[in-house]
Amino acid sequence: EAWSVVKPVVVSQFLERTAFYGLQASMVLFLTKYLHMKSGDADATVGFWGGVCYMTPLLGGYIGDSILGRWRGIQLFFVFYILGMV
């Protein structure tokens, strides 16, 4: 029974990491080629974006633990993340 709860979390985390690193790898190319940013500025922008992506779970964890509850918080923030990726 525990595996039925863990499986969706593991699958969603795998897909989320795949999407994150895939997007991060191509973002510099997009910023330089289509938005005509300088390479250094594009690298800094992608670095900042990556940092924000790694720091916002602290805020999400606080909101999930203190306001929404664990599973409701995971569901809500996962929907936000998917909408952001689209």
C-alpha atoms as a PDB file:
ATOM      1  CA  GLU A   1       0.000   0.000   0.000  1.00  0.00           C
ATOM      2  CA  ALA A   2       2.853   2.397   0.737  1.00  0.00           C
ATOM      3  CA  TRP A   3       4.214   1.934  -2.794  1.00  0.00           C
ATOM      4  CA  SER A   4       0.929   3.206  -4.271  1.00  0.00           C
ATOM      5  CA  VAL A   5       1.567   6.515  -2.515  1.00  0.00           C
ATOM      6  CA  VAL A   6       5.274   6.698  -3.338  1.00  0.00           C
ATOM      7  CA  LYS A   7       5.008   5.800  -7.025  1.00  0.00           C
ATOM      8  CA  PRO A   8       3.302   9.041  -8.214  1.00  0.00           C
ATOM      9  CA  VAL A   9       5.769  11.151  -6.224  1.00  0.00           C
ATOM     10  CA  VAL A  10       8.787   9.316  -7.685  1.00  0.00           C
ATOM     11  CA  VAL A  11       7.426   9.513 -11.238  1.00  0.00           C
ATOM     12  CA  SER A  12       6.546  13.210 -10.935  1.00  0.00           C
ATOM     13  CA  GLN A  13       9.981  14.018  -9.493  1.00  0.00           C
ATOM     14  CA  PHE A  14      11.720  12.154 -12.319  1.00  0.00           C
ATOM     15  CA  LEU A  15       9.680  13.997 -14.935  1.00  0.00           C
ATOM     16  CA  GLU A  16      10.159  17.328 -13.183  1.00  0.00           C
ATOM     17  CA  ARG A  17      13.956  16.946 -13.020  1.00  0.00           C
ATOM     18  CA  THR A  18      14.081  15.863 -16.656  1.00  0.00           C
ATOM     19  CA  ALA A  19      12.083  18.940 -17.678  1.00  0.00           C
ATOM     20  CA  PHE A  20      14.142  21.268 -15.462  1.00  0.00           C
ATOM     21  CA  TYR A  21      17.535  20.194 -16.789  1.00  0.00           C
ATOM     22  CA  GLY A  22      16.275  20.031 -20.364  1.00  0.00           C
ATOM     23  CA  LEU A  23      14.923  23.564 -20.135  1.00  0.00           C
ATOM     24  CA  GLN A  24      17.992  24.881 -18.359  1.00  0.00           C
ATOM     25  CA  ALA A  25      20.297  23.451 -21.008  1.00  0.00           C
ATOM     26  CA  SER A  26      18.452  25.088 -23.898  1.00  0.00           C
ATOM     27  CA  MET A  27      17.603  28.374 -22.178  1.00  0.00           C
ATOM     28  CA  VAL A  28      21.018  29.960 -22.836  1.00  0.00           C
ATOM     29  CA  LEU A  29      20.692  29.165 -26.531  1.00  0.00           C
ATOM     30  CA  PHE A  30      17.214  30.667 -26.623  1.00  0.00           C
ATOM     31  CA  LEU A  31      18.267  33.829 -24.807  1.00  0.00           C
ATOM     32  CA  THR A  32      21.269  34.425 -27.056  1.00  0.00           C
ATOM     33  CA  LYS A  33      19.742  33.436 -30.391  1.00  0.00           C
ATOM     34  CA  TYR A  34      16.185  34.748 -30.165  1.00  0.00           C
ATOM     35  CA  LEU A  35      16.359  37.458 -27.502  1.00  0.00           C
ATOM     36  CA  HIS A  36      19.844  38.581 -28.626  1.00  0.00           C
ATOM     37  CA  MET A  37      21.327  38.648 -25.124  1.00  0.00           C
ATOM     38  CA  LYS A  38      25.049  38.632 -24.660  1.00  0.00           C
ATOM     39  CA  SER A  39      26.404  35.245 -23.644  1.00  0.00           C
ATOM     40  CA  GLY A  40      27.464  36.443 -20.193  1.00  0.00           C
ATOM     41  CA  ASP A  41      24.075  38.011 -19.516  1.00  0.00           C
ATOM     42  CA  ALA A  42      22.296  34.851 -20.657  1.00  0.00           C
ATOM     43  CA  ASP A  43      24.491  32.725 -18.388  1.00  0.00           C
ATOM     44  CA  ALA A  44      23.774  35.018 -15.447  1.00  0.00           C
ATOM     45  CA  THR A  45      20.036  34.937 -16.161  1.00  0.00           C
ATOM     46  CA  VAL A  46      19.977  31.135 -16.320  1.00  0.00           C
ATOM     47  CA  GLY A  47      22.069  30.948 -13.149  1.00  0.00           C
ATOM     48  CA  PHE A  48      19.665  33.267 -11.343  1.00  0.00           C
ATOM     49  CA  TRP A  49      16.677  31.263 -12.591  1.00  0.00           C
ATOM     50  CA  GLY A  50      18.295  28.035 -11.381  1.00  0.00           C
ATOM     51  CA  GLY A  51      18.979  29.589  -7.993  1.00  0.00           C
ATOM     52  CA  VAL A  52      15.401  30.748  -7.648  1.00  0.00           C
ATOM     53  CA  CYS A  53      14.195  27.267  -8.604  1.00  0.00           C
ATOM     54  CA  TYR A  54      16.316  25.743  -5.857  1.00  0.00           C
ATOM     55  CA  MET A  55      15.366  28.323  -3.196  1.00  0.00           C
ATOM     56  CA  THR A  56      11.588  28.522  -3.682  1.00  0.00           C
ATOM     57  CA  PRO A  57      10.985  25.018  -2.222  1.00  0.00           C
ATOM     58  CA  LEU A  58      11.867  26.535   1.158  1.00  0.00           C
ATOM     59  CA  LEU A  59       8.919  28.911   0.840  1.00  0.00           C
ATOM     60  CA  GLY A  60       6.734  26.148  -0.570  1.00  0.00           C
ATOM     61  CA  GLY A  61       7.697  23.833   2.273  1.00  0.00           C
ATOM     62  CA  TYR A  62       6.787  26.442   4.839  1.00  0.00           C
ATOM     63  CA  ILE A  63       3.431  27.123   3.194  1.00  0.00           C
ATOM     64  CA  GLY A  64       2.751  23.415   2.761  1.00  0.00           C
ATOM     65  CA  ASP A  65       3.649  22.513   6.341  1.00  0.00           C
ATOM     66  CA  SER A  66       1.988  25.416   8.108  1.00  0.00           C
ATOM     67  CA  ILE A  67      -1.026  26.292   5.943  1.00  0.00           C
ATOM     68  CA  LEU A  68      -2.018  23.732   3.319  1.00  0.00           C
ATOM     69  CA  GLY A  69      -0.883  20.396   4.660  1.00  0.00           C
ATOM     70  CA  ARG A  70       1.607  18.041   3.042  1.00  0.00           C
ATOM     71  CA  TRP A  71      -0.383  16.455   0.221  1.00  0.00           C
ATOM     72  CA  ARG A  72      -2.490  19.480  -0.661  1.00  0.00           C
ATOM     73  CA  GLY A  73       0.678  21.564  -0.831  1.00  0.00           C
ATOM     74  CA  ILE A  74       2.413  19.053  -3.100  1.00  0.00           C
ATOM     75  CA  GLN A  75      -0.567  18.916  -5.430  1.00  0.00           C
ATOM     76  CA  LEU A  76      -1.029  22.687  -5.597  1.00  0.00           C
ATOM     77  CA  PHE A  77       2.618  23.552  -6.169  1.00  0.00           C
ATOM     78  CA  PHE A  78       3.046  20.750  -8.693  1.00  0.00           C
ATOM     79  CA  VAL A  79       0.178  22.237 -10.721  1.00  0.00           C
ATOM     80  CA  PHE A  80       1.847  25.666 -10.541  1.00  0.00           C
ATOM     81  CA  TYR A  81       5.127  24.140 -11.688  1.00  0.00           C
ATOM     82  CA  ILE A  82       3.530  22.380 -14.657  1.00  0.00           C
ATOM     83  CA  LEU A  83       1.701  25.565 -15.674  1.00  0.00           C
ATOM     84  CA  GLY A  84       4.995  27.424 -15.500  1.00  0.00           C
ATOM     85  CA  MET A  85       6.658  24.861 -17.740  1.00  0.00           C
ATOM     86  CA  VAL A  86       3.910  25.206 -20.350  1.00  0.00           C
END
